C-alpha cells in the first residue's frame, strides 16, 4: 500500500509526496553528516500544445516515454520523481 501512495500511477515514477519526504530526509542527512545534494528540475516545454493538438492520451504516452528514457539513464542512487503535470525532479 505504501508503494501506491508514493508512486505516480501514469509513469511509475515516485510522486510529489515521496519527493518532499525524501528531500526532508536528505537535508537532515546533510545537516548531520555534511555532503552535497544536487537537484535537477525538468519541465516539458509547450506540453499543453501536445495535449491540445493530439489529445490527452497522446500526452500521456509522451509522459510515459520520457519517464522511461530518464529512468534508464539514472545511477542506482538517483531518485526520479514526477511532481505533477509535465514536471519532474531528479
N, C-alpha and C. Protein backbone atom coordinates (compact mmCIF):
# COMPACT_ATOMS: atom_id res chain seq x y z
N UNK A 1 0.82 -1.20 0.00
CA UNK A 1 0.00 0.00 0.00
C UNK A 1 0.87 1.26 0.00
N UNK A 2 1.98 1.23 0.73
CA UNK A 2 2.88 2.39 0.77
C UNK A 2 3.40 2.72 -0.61
N UNK A 3 3.74 1.70 -1.39
CA UNK A 3 4.26 1.93 -2.75
C UNK A 3 3.25 2.69 -3.59
N UNK A 4 1.99 2.38 -3.46
CA UNK A 4 0.95 3.08 -4.22
C UNK A 4 0.82 4.54 -3.81
N UNK A 5 1.06 4.83 -2.54
CA UNK A 5 0.88 6.20 -2.06
C UNK A 5 2.04 7.11 -2.45
N UNK A 6 3.16 6.55 -2.88
CA UNK A 6 4.32 7.37 -3.24
C UNK A 6 4.72 7.21 -4.70
N UNK A 7 3.88 6.55 -5.49
CA UNK A 7 4.20 6.28 -6.89
C UNK A 7 3.18 6.95 -7.80
N UNK A 8 3.66 7.58 -8.86
CA UNK A 8 2.79 8.17 -9.86
C UNK A 8 2.15 7.06 -10.67
N UNK A 9 0.84 7.06 -10.76
CA UNK A 9 0.10 5.99 -11.42
C UNK A 9 0.44 5.90 -12.91
N UNK A 10 0.56 7.03 -13.56
CA UNK A 10 0.79 7.04 -15.01
C UNK A 10 2.19 6.58 -15.39
N UNK A 11 3.20 7.11 -14.72
CA UNK A 11 4.58 6.87 -15.16
C UNK A 11 5.32 5.81 -14.35
N UNK A 12 4.84 5.53 -13.15
CA UNK A 12 5.54 4.60 -12.28
C UNK A 12 6.68 5.24 -11.52
N UNK A 13 6.95 6.52 -11.78
CA UNK A 13 7.99 7.25 -11.05
C UNK A 13 7.46 7.60 -9.65
N UNK A 14 8.37 7.95 -8.76
CA UNK A 14 7.92 8.44 -7.46
C UNK A 14 7.11 9.72 -7.68
N UNK A 15 6.24 10.05 -6.72
CA UNK A 15 5.39 11.22 -6.85
C UNK A 15 5.87 12.37 -5.96
N UNK A 16 5.12 13.45 -5.98
CA UNK A 16 5.47 14.66 -5.21
C UNK A 16 5.59 14.35 -3.72
N UNK A 17 4.69 13.56 -3.18
CA UNK A 17 4.74 13.22 -1.75
C UNK A 17 6.08 12.56 -1.41
N UNK A 18 6.49 11.60 -2.23
CA UNK A 18 7.77 10.93 -1.98
C UNK A 18 8.92 11.93 -2.10
N UNK A 19 8.87 12.77 -3.11
CA UNK A 19 9.93 13.76 -3.30
C UNK A 19 10.07 14.65 -2.07
N UNK A 20 8.95 15.14 -1.55
CA UNK A 20 9.00 16.03 -0.39
C UNK A 20 9.55 15.30 0.83
N UNK A 21 9.11 14.08 1.07
CA UNK A 21 9.62 13.29 2.21
C UNK A 21 11.10 13.01 2.05
N UNK A 22 11.49 12.59 0.86
CA UNK A 22 12.90 12.25 0.60
C UNK A 22 13.79 13.49 0.72
N UNK A 23 13.30 14.62 0.23
CA UNK A 23 14.08 15.86 0.32
C UNK A 23 14.33 16.24 1.77
N UNK A 24 13.31 16.14 2.61
CA UNK A 24 13.49 16.44 4.02
C UNK A 24 14.52 15.51 4.66
N UNK A 25 14.44 14.23 4.33
CA UNK A 25 15.39 13.26 4.88
C UNK A 25 16.81 13.56 4.41
N UNK A 26 16.97 13.90 3.14
CA UNK A 26 18.30 14.19 2.61
C UNK A 26 18.88 15.47 3.21
N UNK A 27 18.05 16.47 3.41
CA UNK A 27 18.53 17.71 4.03
C UNK A 27 18.96 17.46 5.48
N UNK A 28 18.22 16.63 6.20
CA UNK A 28 18.63 16.27 7.56
C UNK A 28 19.94 15.49 7.56
N UNK A 29 20.09 14.58 6.59
CA UNK A 29 21.33 13.80 6.48
C UNK A 29 22.52 14.72 6.24
N UNK A 30 22.35 15.69 5.36
CA UNK A 30 23.43 16.63 5.06
C UNK A 30 23.75 17.49 6.28
N UNK A 31 22.72 17.88 7.03
CA UNK A 31 22.94 18.64 8.27
C UNK A 31 23.79 17.85 9.26
N UNK A 32 23.50 16.56 9.39
CA UNK A 32 24.21 15.72 10.35
C UNK A 32 25.62 15.36 9.89
N UNK A 33 25.74 14.98 8.63
CA UNK A 33 26.99 14.38 8.16
C UNK A 33 27.74 15.21 7.12
N UNK A 34 27.15 16.30 6.67
CA UNK A 34 27.75 17.08 5.59
C UNK A 34 27.52 16.41 4.26
N UNK A 35 28.10 16.97 3.24
CA UNK A 35 27.96 16.39 1.91
C UNK A 35 27.25 17.34 0.97
N UNK A 36 26.97 16.84 -0.19
CA UNK A 36 26.35 17.64 -1.24
C UNK A 36 25.04 17.03 -1.69
N UNK A 37 24.24 17.87 -2.30
CA UNK A 37 22.96 17.44 -2.84
C UNK A 37 22.72 18.21 -4.13
N UNK A 38 22.39 17.51 -5.17
CA UNK A 38 22.05 18.15 -6.44
C UNK A 38 20.61 17.83 -6.79
N UNK A 39 19.93 18.81 -7.33
CA UNK A 39 18.55 18.62 -7.77
C UNK A 39 18.44 19.13 -9.20
N UNK A 40 17.80 18.34 -10.03
CA UNK A 40 17.55 18.74 -11.41
C UNK A 40 16.04 18.79 -11.60
N UNK A 41 15.53 19.92 -12.05
CA UNK A 41 14.11 20.03 -12.36
C UNK A 41 13.95 20.00 -13.87
N UNK A 42 13.04 19.15 -14.33
CA UNK A 42 12.76 19.02 -15.76
C UNK A 42 11.31 19.40 -16.01
N UNK A 43 11.10 20.16 -17.05
CA UNK A 43 9.76 20.59 -17.43
C UNK A 43 9.67 20.48 -18.95
N UNK A 44 8.63 19.86 -19.45
CA UNK A 44 8.47 19.71 -20.89
C UNK A 44 7.87 21.00 -21.45
N UNK A 45 8.66 21.72 -22.24
CA UNK A 45 8.19 22.98 -22.82
C UNK A 45 7.00 22.74 -23.74
N UNK A 46 6.02 23.60 -23.63
CA UNK A 46 4.86 23.61 -24.52
C UNK A 46 4.08 22.28 -24.49
N UNK A 47 4.09 21.60 -23.36
CA UNK A 47 3.40 20.32 -23.26
C UNK A 47 1.89 20.47 -23.51
N UNK A 48 1.33 21.58 -23.09
CA UNK A 48 -0.10 21.81 -23.30
C UNK A 48 -0.45 21.73 -24.79
N UNK A 49 0.45 22.17 -25.62
CA UNK A 49 0.21 22.10 -27.06
C UNK A 49 0.06 20.65 -27.54
N UNK A 50 0.83 19.76 -26.95
CA UNK A 50 0.72 18.33 -27.31
C UNK A 50 -0.66 17.82 -26.95
N UNK A 51 -1.09 18.11 -25.72
CA UNK A 51 -2.43 17.68 -25.29
C UNK A 51 -3.53 18.31 -26.14
N UNK A 52 -3.39 19.59 -26.42
CA UNK A 52 -4.42 20.29 -27.21
C UNK A 52 -4.49 19.78 -28.64
N UNK A 53 -3.35 19.51 -29.21
CA UNK A 53 -3.32 19.12 -30.63
C UNK A 53 -3.61 17.63 -30.85
N UNK A 54 -3.03 16.79 -29.98
CA UNK A 54 -3.11 15.34 -30.21
C UNK A 54 -3.99 14.60 -29.20
N UNK A 55 -4.41 15.28 -28.15
CA UNK A 55 -5.26 14.67 -27.14
C UNK A 55 -4.47 14.21 -25.92
N UNK A 56 -5.20 14.01 -24.83
CA UNK A 56 -4.56 13.64 -23.56
C UNK A 56 -3.96 12.24 -23.60
N UNK A 57 -4.53 11.35 -24.36
CA UNK A 57 -3.96 10.00 -24.47
C UNK A 57 -2.56 10.07 -25.08
N UNK A 58 -2.39 10.90 -26.09
CA UNK A 58 -1.06 11.08 -26.70
C UNK A 58 -0.12 11.75 -25.71
N UNK A 59 -0.63 12.74 -24.98
CA UNK A 59 0.19 13.40 -23.96
C UNK A 59 0.66 12.42 -22.89
N UNK A 60 -0.23 11.53 -22.49
CA UNK A 60 0.14 10.50 -21.51
C UNK A 60 1.24 9.60 -22.05
N UNK A 61 1.16 9.25 -23.31
CA UNK A 61 2.19 8.41 -23.93
C UNK A 61 3.54 9.14 -23.94
N UNK A 62 3.51 10.44 -24.20
CA UNK A 62 4.75 11.23 -24.18
C UNK A 62 5.34 11.21 -22.77
N UNK A 63 4.51 11.42 -21.76
CA UNK A 63 5.00 11.41 -20.38
C UNK A 63 5.60 10.06 -20.02
N UNK A 64 4.94 8.98 -20.41
CA UNK A 64 5.47 7.64 -20.14
C UNK A 64 6.80 7.42 -20.83
N UNK A 65 6.89 7.81 -22.10
CA UNK A 65 8.13 7.60 -22.87
C UNK A 65 9.28 8.41 -22.28
N UNK A 66 9.03 9.64 -21.93
CA UNK A 66 10.08 10.48 -21.34
C UNK A 66 10.51 9.92 -19.99
N UNK A 67 9.55 9.50 -19.18
CA UNK A 67 9.87 8.90 -17.88
C UNK A 67 10.74 7.67 -18.04
N UNK A 68 10.40 6.84 -19.00
CA UNK A 68 11.18 5.63 -19.23
C UNK A 68 12.60 5.96 -19.66
N UNK A 69 12.75 6.91 -20.57
CA UNK A 69 14.09 7.30 -21.05
C UNK A 69 14.94 7.86 -19.92
N UNK A 70 14.36 8.72 -19.11
CA UNK A 70 15.10 9.30 -18.00
C UNK A 70 15.48 8.21 -17.00
N UNK A 71 14.54 7.34 -16.66
CA UNK A 71 14.80 6.26 -15.70
C UNK A 71 15.95 5.36 -16.14
N UNK A 72 16.07 5.14 -17.43
CA UNK A 72 17.13 4.28 -17.96
C UNK A 72 18.51 4.90 -17.81
N UNK A 73 18.59 6.20 -17.63
CA UNK A 73 19.86 6.91 -17.59
C UNK A 73 20.35 7.22 -16.17
N UNK A 74 19.56 6.87 -15.18
CA UNK A 74 19.90 7.22 -13.80
C UNK A 74 20.90 6.27 -13.18
N UNK A 75 21.64 6.80 -12.22
CA UNK A 75 22.51 5.96 -11.40
C UNK A 75 21.66 5.25 -10.35
N UNK A 76 22.20 4.23 -9.75
CA UNK A 76 21.41 3.42 -8.81
C UNK A 76 20.93 4.21 -7.59
N UNK A 77 21.67 5.24 -7.18
CA UNK A 77 21.25 6.00 -6.00
C UNK A 77 20.51 7.30 -6.36
N UNK A 78 20.27 7.55 -7.64
CA UNK A 78 19.47 8.70 -8.05
C UNK A 78 17.99 8.42 -7.79
N UNK A 79 17.24 9.47 -7.56
CA UNK A 79 15.80 9.35 -7.32
C UNK A 79 15.08 10.19 -8.37
N UNK A 80 14.14 9.57 -9.06
CA UNK A 80 13.38 10.23 -10.12
C UNK A 80 11.93 10.35 -9.70
N UNK A 81 11.39 11.57 -9.75
CA UNK A 81 10.02 11.82 -9.31
C UNK A 81 9.26 12.64 -10.34
N UNK A 82 7.99 12.35 -10.46
CA UNK A 82 7.10 13.21 -11.24
C UNK A 82 6.33 14.06 -10.24
N UNK A 83 6.53 15.36 -10.31
CA UNK A 83 5.86 16.26 -9.37
C UNK A 83 4.40 16.46 -9.74
N UNK A 84 4.10 16.33 -11.00
CA UNK A 84 2.74 16.53 -11.49
C UNK A 84 2.81 17.14 -12.87
N UNK A 85 1.74 17.00 -13.62
CA UNK A 85 1.74 17.55 -14.98
C UNK A 85 2.94 17.08 -15.75
N UNK A 86 3.72 18.02 -16.25
CA UNK A 86 4.92 17.67 -17.01
C UNK A 86 6.19 18.06 -16.27
N UNK A 87 6.14 18.11 -14.94
CA UNK A 87 7.29 18.49 -14.13
C UNK A 87 7.88 17.26 -13.44
N UNK A 88 9.20 17.15 -13.56
CA UNK A 88 9.94 16.03 -12.98
C UNK A 88 11.13 16.55 -12.19
N UNK A 89 11.59 15.75 -11.23
CA UNK A 89 12.80 16.07 -10.46
C UNK A 89 13.69 14.84 -10.42
N UNK A 90 14.98 15.08 -10.45
CA UNK A 90 15.96 14.02 -10.25
C UNK A 90 16.84 14.45 -9.09
